[in-house]
């Protein structure tokens, strides 16, 4: 991209939830934005961390340890959190928007998920920003 991207305008260009748009790339990484609302799906990325920045609203990330224990991290506007590779997690939100930073080609539903993907969750590697 040879021009700046305004994140507010990028988010205003679409309204689908959990359907990220790629706003730019850095080396072999996508910078994606997405609207959030409702439950995502438990999933894991075996080979990469996943960076989240809450741009608006609240974004919860349930984390499941290898021993089965669960905890939830809550992000508010301006908060960042990294889900370490290999950590099973399930995002949810009462409504908001996030920015994600992850390797190009990373699926939004991870390398593995046990539950059916809800209709409102787009299992994708990101869509171009139009």
Protein backbone atom coordinates (compact mmCIF):
# COMPACT_ATOMS: atom_id res chain seq x y z
CA UNK A 1 0.00 0.00 0.00
CA UNK A 2 1.36 3.35 -0.93
CA UNK A 3 -1.15 5.49 0.98
CA UNK A 4 -2.08 5.70 4.67
CA UNK A 5 -5.07 3.64 5.82
CA UNK A 6 -7.52 5.20 8.25
CA UNK A 7 -8.76 2.44 10.55
CA UNK A 8 -12.09 4.17 11.28
CA UNK A 9 -12.79 4.44 7.55
CA UNK A 10 -11.67 0.85 7.01
CA UNK A 11 -14.11 -0.39 9.66
CA UNK A 12 -16.90 1.79 8.23
CA UNK A 13 -16.46 0.13 4.82
CA UNK A 14 -18.00 -3.19 5.98
CA UNK A 15 -20.33 -4.43 8.70
CA UNK A 16 -19.84 -8.23 8.81
CA UNK A 17 -18.67 -9.48 12.20
CA UNK A 18 -15.72 -11.82 12.70
CA UNK A 19 -14.86 -11.31 9.02
CA UNK A 20 -11.49 -9.51 9.06
CA UNK A 21 -10.24 -7.14 6.37
CA UNK A 22 -6.54 -6.87 5.62
CA UNK A 23 -5.58 -3.21 5.95
CA UNK A 24 -1.87 -3.66 5.23
CA UNK A 25 1.00 -6.12 5.36
CA UNK A 26 4.30 -5.99 7.24
CA UNK A 27 6.88 -8.46 5.94
CA UNK A 28 4.99 -11.78 6.00
CA UNK A 29 2.29 -10.57 8.41
CA UNK A 30 -1.24 -9.26 7.87
CA UNK A 31 -2.66 -6.37 9.82
CA UNK A 32 -6.40 -7.07 9.95
CA UNK A 33 -9.40 -5.27 11.41
CA UNK A 34 -12.72 -6.87 12.32
CA UNK A 35 -16.04 -6.08 13.93
CA UNK A 36 -16.83 -8.32 16.88
CA UNK A 37 -20.09 -9.40 18.49
CA UNK A 38 -21.17 -12.70 19.96
CA UNK A 39 -19.23 -15.92 20.46
CA UNK A 40 -16.40 -17.10 18.22
CA UNK A 41 -15.21 -20.74 18.37
CA UNK A 42 -12.62 -22.47 20.55
CA UNK A 43 -9.52 -22.83 18.37
CA UNK A 44 -5.73 -22.98 18.43
CA UNK A 45 -2.88 -21.72 16.26
CA UNK A 46 -0.11 -24.29 16.67
CA UNK A 47 2.71 -22.30 15.04
CA UNK A 48 2.03 -18.63 15.74
CA UNK A 49 1.12 -16.15 18.44
CA UNK A 50 -1.95 -13.96 17.83
CA UNK A 51 -1.86 -10.23 18.62
CA UNK A 52 -5.09 -8.38 19.46
CA UNK A 53 -5.69 -4.64 19.92
CA UNK A 54 -9.17 -3.54 21.01
CA UNK A 55 -10.06 -0.57 18.81
CA UNK A 56 -13.55 -0.11 20.21
CA UNK A 57 -15.81 -1.68 22.80
CA UNK A 58 -14.94 -4.78 24.78
CA UNK A 59 -13.28 -7.98 23.59
CA UNK A 60 -13.02 -11.08 25.78
CA UNK A 61 -10.60 -13.93 25.14
CA UNK A 62 -11.21 -17.17 27.02
CA UNK A 63 -7.99 -19.17 27.33
CA UNK A 64 -7.74 -22.89 28.04
CA UNK A 65 -4.52 -24.26 29.53
CA UNK A 66 -3.05 -27.66 28.66
CA UNK A 67 -4.42 -28.90 32.01
CA UNK A 68 -7.96 -27.80 31.06
CA UNK A 69 -8.11 -24.76 33.33
CA UNK A 70 -9.79 -21.74 31.84
CA UNK A 71 -9.45 -18.02 32.39
CA UNK A 72 -10.72 -14.98 30.51
CA UNK A 73 -8.78 -11.88 29.55
CA UNK A 74 -10.91 -8.77 28.94
CA UNK A 75 -9.72 -6.05 26.60
CA UNK A 76 -11.16 -2.55 26.50
CA UNK A 77 -10.49 0.14 23.91
CA UNK A 78 -6.73 0.60 23.60
CA UNK A 79 -5.76 -2.67 25.33
CA UNK A 80 -3.48 -5.22 23.67
CA UNK A 81 -2.97 -8.91 24.35
CA UNK A 82 -1.03 -11.73 22.72
CA UNK A 83 -2.40 -15.27 22.74
CA UNK A 84 0.71 -17.51 22.76
CA UNK A 85 1.03 -20.13 20.05
CA UNK A 86 -0.50 -23.46 20.97
CA UNK A 87 -2.98 -21.89 23.41
CA UNK A 88 -6.60 -22.82 22.86
CA UNK A 89 -8.76 -19.70 22.94
CA UNK A 90 -12.28 -18.48 22.26
CA UNK A 91 -12.99 -14.81 21.58
CA UNK A 92 -16.33 -13.21 22.39
CA UNK A 93 -17.65 -9.68 22.54
CA UNK A 94 -20.79 -7.72 23.37
CA UNK A 95 -19.76 -5.53 20.42
CA UNK A 96 -16.65 -3.75 19.27
CA UNK A 97 -13.77 -3.77 16.84
CA UNK A 98 -10.27 -5.26 16.93
CA UNK A 99 -6.98 -5.12 15.09
CA UNK A 100 -5.06 -8.38 14.68
CA UNK A 101 -1.45 -8.95 13.66
CA UNK A 102 -0.64 -12.45 12.43
CA UNK A 103 1.24 -14.27 9.67
CA UNK A 104 -0.31 -14.02 6.21
CA UNK A 105 -2.50 -17.04 5.58
CA UNK A 106 -3.47 -17.61 9.22
CA UNK A 107 -7.04 -18.89 9.49
CA UNK A 108 -9.46 -17.06 11.76
CA UNK A 109 -10.62 -20.42 13.10
CA UNK A 110 -7.11 -21.71 13.72
CA UNK A 111 -5.37 -24.93 12.82
CA UNK A 112 -7.81 -26.93 14.90
CA UNK A 113 -11.27 -26.40 16.34
CA UNK A 114 -13.59 -29.02 17.80
CA UNK A 115 -16.93 -27.24 17.50
CA UNK A 116 -18.89 -26.33 14.40
CA UNK A 117 -18.13 -22.80 13.20
CA UNK A 118 -21.16 -20.54 13.90
CA UNK A 119 -22.82 -18.91 10.87
CA UNK A 120 -21.74 -15.44 12.04
CA UNK A 121 -18.02 -16.42 12.10
CA UNK A 122 -16.20 -16.19 8.77
CA UNK A 123 -13.54 -18.94 8.59
CA UNK A 124 -11.09 -17.06 6.39
CA UNK A 125 -7.48 -15.93 6.04
CA UNK A 126 -8.77 -12.35 5.67
CA UNK A 127 -10.42 -10.35 2.92
CA UNK A 128 -8.90 -7.45 1.02
CA UNK A 129 -10.00 -4.00 2.11
CA UNK A 130 -12.05 -2.41 -0.65
